[in-house]
Amino acid sequence: MKVAELKRMEQGGKMMEEFVQEFRRAAKESGYERKLLVEELKMGINVMICQRLMEAEQQQDSIEQWYDCSIILDRNWRKNKRKEERLREQRDNEAPAPRVNNEVLRQQMP
């Protein structure tokens, strides 16, 4: 039964586009509409995305709006994560500045 499949679905590490495609397929045959679909989607998507959607200034009314907004949030989150990783790698690969030992400098000064 598609309702049981819908209830078991979780985004996990999948990109939101992939999860939404799977969710749509199961939703078509579930008999669920509107609010029930939104509630099941909320249960399946990652907590951070759900929380951001729930806190959004403009609330999503339709399941299509939930799909669209969750995909955008997921893309932005992944883009920012890649950027943070690149910056971290750059910092880690940079040679540390040589430390200056002030005592040695004082001894070497005339």
PDB file of N, CA and C in Angstrom:
ATOM      1  N   MET A   1       0.842  -1.188   0.000  1.00  0.00           N
ATOM      2  CA  MET A   1       0.000   0.000   0.000  1.00  0.00           C
ATOM      3  C   MET A   1       0.883   1.247   0.000  1.00  0.00           C
ATOM      4  N   LYS A   2       0.568   2.225  -0.810  1.00  0.00           N
ATOM      5  CA  LYS A   2       1.377   3.435  -0.965  1.00  0.00           C
ATOM      6  C   LYS A   2       1.361   4.328   0.270  1.00  0.00           C
ATOM      7  N   VAL A   3       0.313   4.273   1.076  1.00  0.00           N
ATOM      8  CA  VAL A   3       0.264   5.084   2.298  1.00  0.00           C
ATOM      9  C   VAL A   3       1.394   4.667   3.230  1.00  0.00           C
ATOM     10  N   ALA A   4       1.579   3.373   3.399  1.00  0.00           N
ATOM     11  CA  ALA A   4       2.650   2.874   4.269  1.00  0.00           C
ATOM     12  C   ALA A   4       4.012   3.294   3.720  1.00  0.00           C
ATOM     13  N   GLU A   5       4.178   3.220   2.405  1.00  0.00           N
ATOM     14  CA  GLU A   5       5.436   3.644   1.785  1.00  0.00           C
ATOM     15  C   GLU A   5       5.685   5.129   2.037  1.00  0.00           C
ATOM     16  N   LEU A   6       4.645   5.914   1.884  1.00  0.00           N
ATOM     17  CA  LEU A   6       4.737   7.357   2.106  1.00  0.00           C
ATOM     18  C   LEU A   6       5.163   7.656   3.539  1.00  0.00           C
ATOM     19  N   LYS A   7       4.598   6.939   4.482  1.00  0.00           N
ATOM     20  CA  LYS A   7       4.906   7.155   5.896  1.00  0.00           C
ATOM     21  C   LYS A   7       6.333   6.730   6.252  1.00  0.00           C
ATOM     22  N   ARG A   8       6.901   5.781   5.521  1.00  0.00           N
ATOM     23  CA  ARG A   8       8.257   5.303   5.793  1.00  0.00           C
ATOM     24  C   ARG A   8       9.337   6.150   5.130  1.00  0.00           C
ATOM     25  N   MET A   9       8.965   6.979   4.216  1.00  0.00           N
ATOM     26  CA  MET A   9       9.954   7.713   3.423  1.00  0.00           C
ATOM     27  C   MET A   9      10.725   8.720   4.269  1.00  0.00           C
ATOM     28  N   GLU A  10      12.039   8.756   4.038  1.00  0.00           N
ATOM     29  CA  GLU A  10      12.913   9.732   4.687  1.00  0.00           C
ATOM     30  C   GLU A  10      13.913  10.255   3.674  1.00  0.00           C
ATOM     31  N   GLN A  11      14.212  11.531   3.771  1.00  0.00           N
ATOM     32  CA  GLN A  11      15.167  12.136   2.856  1.00  0.00           C
ATOM     33  C   GLN A  11      16.570  11.608   3.106  1.00  0.00           C
ATOM     34  N   GLY A  12      16.974  11.545   4.362  1.00  0.00           N
ATOM     35  CA  GLY A  12      18.327  11.098   4.670  1.00  0.00           C
ATOM     36  C   GLY A  12      19.350  11.956   3.949  1.00  0.00           C
ATOM     37  N   GLY A  13      20.303  11.338   3.278  1.00  0.00           N
ATOM     38  CA  GLY A  13      21.355  12.063   2.571  1.00  0.00           C
ATOM     39  C   GLY A  13      21.016  12.399   1.132  1.00  0.00           C
ATOM     40  N   LYS A  14      19.805  12.053   0.692  1.00  0.00           N
ATOM     41  CA  LYS A  14      19.418  12.317  -0.695  1.00  0.00           C
ATOM     42  C   LYS A  14      19.262  13.810  -0.932  1.00  0.00           C
ATOM     43  N   MET A  15      19.518  14.205  -2.165  1.00  0.00           N
ATOM     44  CA  MET A  15      19.205  15.573  -2.554  1.00  0.00           C
ATOM     45  C   MET A  15      17.687  15.702  -2.551  1.00  0.00           C
ATOM     46  N   MET A  16      17.195  16.880  -2.236  1.00  0.00           N
ATOM     47  CA  MET A  16      15.753  17.088  -2.125  1.00  0.00           C
ATOM     48  C   MET A  16      15.037  16.795  -3.438  1.00  0.00           C
ATOM     49  N   GLU A  17      15.650  17.121  -4.582  1.00  0.00           N
ATOM     50  CA  GLU A  17      15.008  16.842  -5.868  1.00  0.00           C
ATOM     51  C   GLU A  17      14.684  15.354  -5.988  1.00  0.00           C
ATOM     52  N   GLU A  18      15.628  14.509  -5.602  1.00  0.00           N
ATOM     53  CA  GLU A  18      15.428  13.064  -5.681  1.00  0.00           C
ATOM     54  C   GLU A  18      14.328  12.615  -4.715  1.00  0.00           C
ATOM     55  N   PHE A  19      14.376  13.139  -3.490  1.00  0.00           N
ATOM     56  CA  PHE A  19      13.373  12.764  -2.504  1.00  0.00           C
ATOM     57  C   PHE A  19      11.976  13.190  -2.949  1.00  0.00           C
ATOM     58  N   VAL A  20      11.864  14.395  -3.488  1.00  0.00           N
ATOM     59  CA  VAL A  20      10.555  14.896  -3.935  1.00  0.00           C
ATOM     60  C   VAL A  20      10.010  14.027  -5.065  1.00  0.00           C
ATOM     61  N   GLN A  21      10.864  13.598  -5.987  1.00  0.00           N
ATOM     62  CA  GLN A  21      10.401  12.723  -7.074  1.00  0.00           C
ATOM     63  C   GLN A  21       9.830  11.423  -6.504  1.00  0.00           C
ATOM     64  N   GLU A  22      10.549  10.824  -5.562  1.00  0.00           N
ATOM     65  CA  GLU A  22      10.078   9.581  -4.940  1.00  0.00           C
ATOM     66  C   GLU A  22       8.776   9.821  -4.174  1.00  0.00           C
ATOM     67  N   PHE A  23       8.720  10.931  -3.460  1.00  0.00           N
ATOM     68  CA  PHE A  23       7.534  11.267  -2.671  1.00  0.00           C
ATOM     69  C   PHE A  23       6.327  11.466  -3.578  1.00  0.00           C
ATOM     70  N   ARG A  24       6.517  12.176  -4.686  1.00  0.00           N
ATOM     71  CA  ARG A  24       5.416  12.418  -5.630  1.00  0.00           C
ATOM     72  C   ARG A  24       4.838  11.110  -6.158  1.00  0.00           C
ATOM     73  N   ARG A  25       5.745  10.174  -6.512  1.00  0.00           N
ATOM     74  CA  ARG A  25       5.279   8.885  -7.043  1.00  0.00           C
ATOM     75  C   ARG A  25       4.409   8.157  -6.015  1.00  0.00           C
ATOM     76  N   ALA A  26       4.892   8.117  -4.786  1.00  0.00           N
ATOM     77  CA  ALA A  26       4.129   7.441  -3.728  1.00  0.00           C
ATOM     78  C   ALA A  26       2.844   8.208  -3.418  1.00  0.00           C
ATOM     79  N   ALA A  27       2.907   9.541  -3.458  1.00  0.00           N
ATOM     80  CA  ALA A  27       1.742  10.365  -3.119  1.00  0.00           C
ATOM     81  C   ALA A  27       0.598  10.167  -4.109  1.00  0.00           C
ATOM     82  N   LYS A  28       0.930   9.977  -5.393  1.00  0.00           N
ATOM     83  CA  LYS A  28      -0.106   9.804  -6.418  1.00  0.00           C
ATOM     84  C   LYS A  28      -1.036   8.653  -6.091  1.00  0.00           C
ATOM     85  N   GLU A  29      -0.462   7.584  -5.575  1.00  0.00           N
ATOM     86  CA  GLU A  29      -1.252   6.378  -5.347  1.00  0.00           C
ATOM     87  C   GLU A  29      -1.690   6.225  -3.897  1.00  0.00           C
ATOM     88  N   SER A  30      -1.402   7.219  -3.072  1.00  0.00           N
ATOM     89  CA  SER A  30      -1.728   7.101  -1.650  1.00  0.00           C
ATOM     90  C   SER A  30      -3.170   7.472  -1.329  1.00  0.00           C
ATOM     91  N   GLY A  31      -3.769   8.297  -2.176  1.00  0.00           N
ATOM     92  CA  GLY A  31      -5.107   8.794  -1.880  1.00  0.00           C
ATOM     93  C   GLY A  31      -5.078  10.024  -0.988  1.00  0.00           C
ATOM     94  N   TYR A  32      -3.886  10.383  -0.505  1.00  0.00           N
ATOM     95  CA  TYR A  32      -3.750  11.573   0.340  1.00  0.00           C
ATOM     96  C   TYR A  32      -3.821  12.821  -0.523  1.00  0.00           C
ATOM     97  N   GLU A  33      -4.335  13.875   0.073  1.00  0.00           N
ATOM     98  CA  GLU A  33      -4.386  15.166  -0.608  1.00  0.00           C
ATOM     99  C   GLU A  33      -3.936  16.258   0.349  1.00  0.00           C
ATOM    100  N   ARG A  34      -3.623  17.378  -0.202  1.00  0.00           N
ATOM    101  CA  ARG A  34      -3.286  18.628   0.473  1.00  0.00           C
ATOM    102  C   ARG A  34      -2.591  18.482   1.823  1.00  0.00           C
ATOM    103  N   LYS A  35      -3.325  18.748   2.896  1.00  0.00           N
ATOM    104  CA  LYS A  35      -2.719  18.823   4.231  1.00  0.00           C
ATOM    105  C   LYS A  35      -2.093  17.511   4.673  1.00  0.00           C
ATOM    106  N   LEU A  36      -2.716  16.397   4.323  1.00  0.00           N
ATOM    107  CA  LEU A  36      -2.127  15.108   4.691  1.00  0.00           C
ATOM    108  C   LEU A  36      -0.795  14.901   3.987  1.00  0.00           C
ATOM    109  N   LEU A  37      -0.710  15.302   2.724  1.00  0.00           N
ATOM    110  CA  LEU A  37       0.557  15.189   2.000  1.00  0.00           C
ATOM    111  C   LEU A  37       1.623  16.086   2.617  1.00  0.00           C
ATOM    112  N   VAL A  38       1.241  17.299   2.962  1.00  0.00           N
ATOM    113  CA  VAL A  38       2.184  18.227   3.589  1.00  0.00           C
ATOM    114  C   VAL A  38       2.696  17.634   4.900  1.00  0.00           C
ATOM    115  N   GLU A  39       1.816  17.076   5.691  1.00  0.00           N
ATOM    116  CA  GLU A  39       2.218  16.492   6.981  1.00  0.00           C
ATOM    117  C   GLU A  39       3.169  15.324   6.781  1.00  0.00           C
ATOM    118  N   GLU A  40       2.906  14.480   5.801  1.00  0.00           N
ATOM    119  CA  GLU A  40       3.806  13.353   5.534  1.00  0.00           C
ATOM    120  C   GLU A  40       5.150  13.847   5.008  1.00  0.00           C
ATOM    121  N   LEU A  41       5.130  14.880   4.163  1.00  0.00           N
ATOM    122  CA  LEU A  41       6.382  15.437   3.658  1.00  0.00           C
ATOM    123  C   LEU A  41       7.210  15.997   4.812  1.00  0.00           C
ATOM    124  N   LYS A  42       6.572  16.717   5.726  1.00  0.00           N
ATOM    125  CA  LYS A  42       7.276  17.277   6.884  1.00  0.00           C
ATOM    126  C   LYS A  42       7.967  16.178   7.685  1.00  0.00           C
ATOM    127  N   MET A  43       7.312  15.042   7.804  1.00  0.00           N
ATOM    128  CA  MET A  43       7.879  13.935   8.579  1.00  0.00           C
ATOM    129  C   MET A  43       9.073  13.299   7.862  1.00  0.00           C
ATOM    130  N   GLY A  44       9.105  13.399   6.524  1.00  0.00           N
ATOM    131  CA  GLY A  44      10.149  12.722   5.762  1.00  0.00           C
ATOM    132  C   GLY A  44      11.381  13.555   5.457  1.00  0.00           C
ATOM    133  N   ILE A  45      11.215  14.873   5.419  1.00  0.00           N
ATOM    134  CA  ILE A  45      12.376  15.702   5.055  1.00  0.00           C
ATOM    135  C   ILE A  45      13.270  15.923   6.272  1.00  0.00           C
ATOM    136  N   ASN A  46      14.494  16.303   5.997  1.00  0.00           N
ATOM    137  CA  ASN A  46      15.447  16.537   7.079  1.00  0.00           C
ATOM    138  C   ASN A  46      14.943  17.628   8.012  1.00  0.00           C
ATOM    139  N   VAL A  47      15.235  17.468   9.277  1.00  0.00           N
ATOM    140  CA  VAL A  47      14.719  18.341  10.331  1.00  0.00           C
ATOM    141  C   VAL A  47      15.060  19.805  10.067  1.00  0.00           C
ATOM    142  N   MET A  48      16.301  20.075   9.668  1.00  0.00           N
ATOM    143  CA  MET A  48      16.723  21.461   9.444  1.00  0.00           C
ATOM    144  C   MET A  48      15.867  22.129   8.370  1.00  0.00           C
ATOM    145  N   ILE A  49      15.600  21.420   7.295  1.00  0.00           N
ATOM    146  CA  ILE A  49      14.801  21.989   6.209  1.00  0.00           C
ATOM    147  C   ILE A  49      13.370  22.209   6.673  1.00  0.00           C
ATOM    148  N   CYS A  50      12.816  21.241   7.355  1.00  0.00           N
ATOM    149  CA  CYS A  50      11.446  21.374   7.865  1.00  0.00           C
ATOM    150  C   CYS A  50      11.340  22.568   8.809  1.00  0.00           C
ATOM    151  N   GLN A  51      12.310  22.684   9.697  1.00  0.00           N
ATOM    152  CA  GLN A  51      12.300  23.792  10.659  1.00  0.00           C
ATOM    153  C   GLN A  51      12.359  25.138   9.944  1.00  0.00           C
ATOM    154  N   ARG A  52      13.235  25.252   8.954  1.00  0.00           N
ATOM    155  CA  ARG A  52      13.350  26.508   8.210  1.00  0.00           C
ATOM    156  C   ARG A  52      12.047  26.842   7.487  1.00  0.00           C
ATOM    157  N   LEU A  53      11.389  25.834   6.932  1.00  0.00           N
ATOM    158  CA  LEU A  53      10.118  26.068   6.244  1.00  0.00           C
ATOM    159  C   LEU A  53       9.020  26.478   7.219  1.00  0.00           C
ATOM    160  N   MET A  54       9.028  25.881   8.384  1.00  0.00           N
ATOM    161  CA  MET A  54       8.013  26.212   9.392  1.00  0.00           C
ATOM    162  C   MET A  54       8.218  27.634   9.934  1.00  0.00           C
ATOM    163  N   GLU A  55       9.474  28.084   9.963  1.00  0.00           N
ATOM    164  CA  GLU A  55       9.781  29.412  10.490  1.00  0.00           C
ATOM    165  C   GLU A  55       9.732  30.501   9.423  1.00  0.00           C
ATOM    166  N   ALA A  56       9.506  30.125   8.179  1.00  0.00           N
ATOM    167  CA  ALA A  56       9.519  31.090   7.077  1.00  0.00           C
ATOM    168  C   ALA A  56       8.438  32.140   7.275  1.00  0.00           C
ATOM    169  N   GLU A  57       8.778  33.334   6.859  1.00  0.00           N
ATOM    170  CA  GLU A  57       7.837  34.446   6.977  1.00  0.00           C
ATOM    171  C   GLU A  57       6.573  34.170   6.176  1.00  0.00           C
ATOM    172  N   GLN A  58       6.775  33.710   4.950  1.00  0.00           N
ATOM    173  CA  GLN A  58       5.632  33.384   4.091  1.00  0.00           C
ATOM    174  C   GLN A  58       5.423  31.873   4.162  1.00  0.00           C
ATOM    175  N   GLN A  59       4.312  31.466   4.728  1.00  0.00           N
ATOM    176  CA  GLN A  59       4.025  30.046   4.896  1.00  0.00           C
ATOM    177  C   GLN A  59       3.598  29.416   3.569  1.00  0.00           C
ATOM    178  N   GLN A  60       4.005  28.185   3.375  1.00  0.00           N
ATOM    179  CA  GLN A  60       3.637  27.440   2.183  1.00  0.00           C
ATOM    180  C   GLN A  60       2.258  26.817   2.424  1.00  0.00           C
ATOM    181  N   ASP A  61       1.379  26.993   1.444  1.00  0.00           N
ATOM    182  CA  ASP A  61       0.023  26.473   1.586  1.00  0.00           C
ATOM    183  C   ASP A  61      -0.166  25.144   0.863  1.00  0.00           C
ATOM    184  N   SER A  62       0.435  25.017  -0.296  1.00  0.00           N
ATOM    185  CA  SER A  62       0.205  23.826  -1.105  1.00  0.00           C
ATOM    186  C   SER A  62       1.405  22.890  -1.031  1.00  0.00           C
ATOM    187  N   ILE A  63       1.168  21.643  -1.380  1.00  0.00           N
ATOM    188  CA  ILE A  63       2.263  20.671  -1.416  1.00  0.00           C
ATOM    189  C   ILE A  63       3.297  21.084  -2.457  1.00  0.00           C
ATOM    190  N   GLU A  64       2.861  21.686  -3.553  1.00  0.00           N
ATOM    191  CA  GLU A  64       3.801  22.145  -4.581  1.00  0.00           C
ATOM    192  C   GLU A  64       4.730  23.233  -4.030  1.00  0.00           C
ATOM    193  N   GLN A  65       4.182  24.135  -3.227  1.00  0.00           N
ATOM    194  CA  GLN A  65       5.023  25.165  -2.600  1.00  0.00           C
ATOM    195  C   GLN A  65       6.024  24.526  -1.640  1.00  0.00           C
ATOM    196  N   TRP A  66       5.595  23.521  -0.916  1.00  0.00           N
ATOM    197  CA  TRP A  66       6.507  22.807  -0.016  1.00  0.00           C
ATOM    198  C   TRP A  66       7.617  22.141  -0.812  1.00  0.00           C
ATOM    199  N   TYR A  67       7.260  21.506  -1.926  1.00  0.00           N
ATOM    200  CA  TYR A  67       8.280  20.883  -2.772  1.00  0.00           C
ATOM    201  C   TYR A  67       9.295  21.925  -3.226  1.00  0.00           C
ATOM    202  N   ASP A  68       8.781  23.010  -3.820  1.00  0.00           N
ATOM    203  CA  ASP A  68       9.662  24.038  -4.387  1.00  0.00           C
ATOM    204  C   ASP A  68      10.566  24.663  -3.329  1.00  0.00           C
ATOM    205  N   CYS A  69       9.991  25.058  -2.205  1.00  0.00           N
ATOM    206  CA  CYS A  69      10.775  25.724  -1.162  1.00  0.00           C
ATOM    207  C   CYS A  69      11.785  24.774  -0.519  1.00  0.00           C
ATOM    208  N   SER A  70      11.404  23.523  -0.340  1.00  0.00           N
ATOM    209  CA  SER A  70      12.343  22.575   0.271  1.00  0.00           C
ATOM    210  C   SER A  70      13.510  22.293  -0.670  1.00  0.00           C
ATOM    211  N   ILE A  71      13.258  22.250  -1.960  1.00  0.00           N
ATOM    212  CA  ILE A  71      14.340  22.048  -2.942  1.00  0.00           C
ATOM    213  C   ILE A  71      15.294  23.235  -2.906  1.00  0.00           C
ATOM    214  N   ILE A  72      14.762  24.445  -2.862  1.00  0.00           N
ATOM    215  CA  ILE A  72      15.609  25.645  -2.808  1.00  0.00           C
ATOM    216  C   ILE A  72      16.455  25.651  -1.541  1.00  0.00           C
ATOM    217  N   LEU A  73      15.840  25.365  -0.397  1.00  0.00           N
ATOM    218  CA  LEU A  73      16.590  25.345   0.860  1.00  0.00           C
ATOM    219  C   LEU A  73      17.689  24.287   0.836  1.00  0.00           C
ATOM    220  N   ASP A  74      17.377  23.111   0.315  1.00  0.00           N
ATOM    221  CA  ASP A  74      18.357  22.035   0.239  1.00  0.00           C
ATOM    222  C   ASP A  74      19.526  22.429  -0.661  1.00  0.00           C
ATOM    223  N   ARG A  75      19.233  23.013  -1.819  1.00  0.00           N
ATOM    224  CA  ARG A  75      20.304  23.456  -2.733  1.00  0.00           C
ATOM    225  C   ARG A  75      21.195  24.496  -2.064  1.00  0.00           C
ATOM    226  N   ASN A  76      20.571  25.482  -1.411  1.00  0.00           N
ATOM    227  CA  ASN A  76      21.353  26.529  -0.748  1.00  0.00           C
ATOM    228  C   ASN A  76      22.212  25.962   0.373  1.00  0.00           C
ATOM    229  N   TRP A  77      21.654  25.050   1.153  1.00  0.00           N
ATOM    230  CA  TRP A  77      22.401  24.438   2.245  1.00  0.00           C
ATOM    231  C   TRP A  77      23.610  23.675   1.703  1.00  0.00           C
ATOM    232  N   ARG A  78      23.408  22.893   0.643  1.00  0.00           N
ATOM    233  CA  ARG A  78      24.508  22.122   0.046  1.00  0.00           C
ATOM    234  C   ARG A  78      25.566  23.040  -0.560  1.00  0.00           C
ATOM    235  N   LYS A  79      25.122  24.112  -1.189  1.00  0.00           N
ATOM    236  CA  LYS A  79      26.062  25.077  -1.784  1.00  0.00           C
ATOM    237  C   LYS A  79      26.907  25.720  -0.686  1.00  0.00           C
ATOM    238  N   ASN A  80      26.274  26.148   0.396  1.00  0.00           N
ATOM    239  CA  ASN A  80      27.013  26.758   1.505  1.00  0.00           C
ATOM    240  C   ASN A  80      27.955  25.767   2.167  1.00  0.00           C
ATOM    241  N   LYS A  81      27.536  24.526   2.273  1.00  0.00           N
ATOM    242  CA  LYS A  81      28.385  23.503   2.878  1.00  0.00           C
ATOM    243  C   LYS A  81      29.640  23.279   2.033  1.00  0.00           C
ATOM    244  N   ARG A  82      29.479  23.213   0.707  1.00  0.00           N
ATOM    245  CA  ARG A  82      30.642  23.060  -0.177  1.00  0.00           C
ATOM    246  C   ARG A  82      31.582  24.252  -0.047  1.00  0.00           C
ATOM    247  N   LYS A  83      31.018  25.454   0.043  1.00  0.00           N
ATOM    248  CA  LYS A  83      31.827  26.653   0.180  1.00  0.00           C
ATOM    249  C   LYS A  83      32.615  26.623   1.492  1.00  0.00           C
ATOM    250  N   GLU A  84      31.954  26.244   2.578  1.00  0.00           N
ATOM    251  CA  GLU A  84      32.636  26.143   3.873  1.00  0.00           C
ATOM    252  C   GLU A  84      33.757  25.119   3.830  1.00  0.00           C
ATOM    253  N   GLU A  85      33.535  23.993   3.160  1.00  0.00           N
ATOM    254  CA  GLU A  85      34.555  22.962   3.046  1.00  0.00           C
ATOM    255  C   GLU A  85      35.757  23.465   2.258  1.00  0.00           C
ATOM    256  N   ARG A  86      35.505  24.195   1.164  1.00  0.00           N
ATOM    257  CA  ARG A  86      36.613  24.755   0.371  1.00  0.00           C
ATOM    258  C   ARG A  86      37.417  25.748   1.196  1.00  0.00           C
ATOM    259  N   LEU A  87      36.732  26.612   1.941  1.00  0.00           N
ATOM    260  CA  LEU A  87      37.433  27.589   2.780  1.00  0.00           C
ATOM    261  C   LEU A  87      38.252  26.903   3.865  1.00  0.00           C
ATOM    262  N   ARG A  88      37.697  25.860   4.447  1.00  0.00           N
ATOM    263  CA  ARG A  88      38.412  25.104   5.481  1.00  0.00           C
ATOM    264  C   ARG A  88      39.658  24.444   4.889  1.00  0.00           C
ATOM    265  N   GLU A  89      39.530  23.879   3.680  1.00  0.00           N
ATOM    266  CA  GLU A  89      40.678  23.254   3.020  1.00  0.00           C
ATOM    267  C   GLU A  89      41.754  24.289   2.704  1.00  0.00           C
ATOM    268  N   GLN A  90      41.335  25.461   2.244  1.00  0.00           N
ATOM    269  CA  GLN A  90      42.300  26.525   1.956  1.00  0.00           C
ATOM    270  C   GLN A  90      43.058  26.922   3.211  1.00  0.00           C
ATOM    271  N   ARG A  91      42.327  27.092   4.311  1.00  0.00           N
ATOM    272  CA  ARG A  91      42.974  27.448   5.582  1.00  0.00           C
ATOM    273  C   ARG A  91      43.940  26.365   6.028  1.00  0.00           C
ATOM    274  N   ASP A  92      43.516  25.116   5.898  1.00  0.00           N
ATOM    275  CA  ASP A  92      44.360  23.996   6.327  1.00  0.00           C
ATOM    276  C   ASP A  92      45.603  23.853   5.462  1.00  0.00           C
ATOM    277  N   ASN A  93      45.520  24.242   4.180  1.00  0.00           N
ATOM    278  CA  ASN A  93      46.642  24.095   3.260  1.00  0.00           C
ATOM    279  C   ASN A  93      47.608  25.270   3.287  1.00  0.00           C
ATOM    280  N   GLU A  94      47.189  26.369   3.854  1.00  0.00           N
ATOM    281  CA  GLU A  94      48.071  27.526   3.932  1.00  0.00           C
ATOM    282  C   GLU A  94      49.174  27.250   4.946  1.00  0.00           C
ATOM    283  N   ALA A  95      50.395  27.652   4.578  1.00  0.00           N
ATOM    284  CA  ALA A  95      51.517  27.474   5.498  1.00  0.00           C
ATOM    285  C   ALA A  95      51.358  28.449   6.653  1.00  0.00           C
ATOM    286  N   PRO A  96      51.551  27.973   7.861  1.00  0.00           N
ATOM    287  CA  PRO A  96      51.428  28.889   8.995  1.00  0.00           C
ATOM    288  C   PRO A  96      52.540  29.934   8.967  1.00  0.00           C
ATOM    289  N   ALA A  97      52.216  31.115   9.398  1.00  0.00           N
ATOM    290  CA  ALA A  97      53.209  32.193   9.449  1.00  0.00           C
ATOM    291  C   ALA A  97      54.291  31.809  10.444  1.00  0.00           C
ATOM    292  N   PRO A  98      55.549  32.105  10.108  1.00  0.00           N
ATOM    293  CA  PRO A  98      56.618  31.756  11.040  1.00  0.00           C
ATOM    294  C   PRO A  98      56.449  32.530  12.345  1.00  0.00           C
ATOM    295  N   ARG A  99      56.704  31.840  13.437  1.00  0.00           N
ATOM    296  CA  ARG A  99      56.612  32.486  14.744  1.00  0.00           C
ATOM    297  C   ARG A  99      57.895  33.260  15.001  1.00  0.00           C
ATOM    298  N   VAL A 100      57.746  34.392  15.567  1.00  0.00           N
ATOM    299  CA  VAL A 100      58.894  35.235  15.879  1.00  0.00           C
ATOM    300  C   VAL A 100      59.169  35.117  17.369  1.00  0.00           C
ATOM    301  N   ASN A 101      60.366  34.737  17.656  1.00  0.00           N
ATOM    302  CA  ASN A 101      60.786  34.631  19.046  1.00  0.00           C
ATOM    303  C   ASN A 101      61.423  35.965  19.429  1.00  0.00           C
ATOM    304  N   ASN A 102      60.710  36.760  20.197  1.00  0.00           N
ATOM    305  CA  ASN A 102      61.189  38.096  20.554  1.00  0.00           C
ATOM    306  C   ASN A 102      62.495  38.058  21.330  1.00  0.00           C
ATOM    307  N   GLU A 103      62.716  37.059  22.131  1.00  0.00           N
ATOM    308  CA  GLU A 103      63.951  36.955  22.909  1.00  0.00           C
ATOM    309  C   GLU A 103      65.147  36.796  21.985  1.00  0.00           C
ATOM    310  N   VAL A 104      65.009  35.962  20.954  1.00  0.00           N
ATOM    311  CA  VAL A 104      66.093  35.769  19.994  1.00  0.00           C
ATOM    312  C   VAL A 104      66.367  37.056  19.265  1.00  0.00           C
ATOM    313  N   LEU A 105      65.312  37.784  18.883  1.00  0.00           N
ATOM    314  CA  LEU A 105      65.497  39.056  18.191  1.00  0.00           C
ATOM    315  C   LEU A 105      66.237  40.064  19.066  1.00  0.00           C
ATOM    316  N   ARG A 106      65.910  40.120  20.336  1.00  0.00           N
ATOM    317  CA  ARG A 106      66.591  41.060  21.223  1.00  0.00           C
ATOM    318  C   ARG A 106      68.065  40.730  21.359  1.00  0.00           C
ATOM    319  N   GLN A 107      68.378  39.453  21.368  1.00  0.00           N
ATOM    320  CA  GLN A 107      69.779  39.050  21.505  1.00  0.00           C
ATOM    321  C   GLN A 107      70.569  39.388  20.248  1.00  0.00           C
ATOM    322  N   GLN A 108      69.899  39.385  19.104  1.00  0.00           N
ATOM    323  CA  GLN A 108      70.587  39.631  17.853  1.00  0.00           C
ATOM    324  C   GLN A 108      70.711  41.117  17.549  1.00  0.00           C
ATOM    325  N   MET A 109      69.995  41.944  18.237  1.00  0.00           N
ATOM    326  CA  MET A 109      70.030  43.375  17.974  1.00  0.00           C
ATOM    327  C   MET A 109      71.288  43.975  18.578  1.00  0.00           C
ATOM    328  N   PRO A 110      71.943  44.921  17.881  1.00  0.00           N
ATOM    329  CA  PRO A 110      73.166  45.557  18.405  1.00  0.00           C
ATOM    330  C   PRO A 110      72.866  46.457  19.582  1.00  0.00           C
TER     331      PRO A 110
END
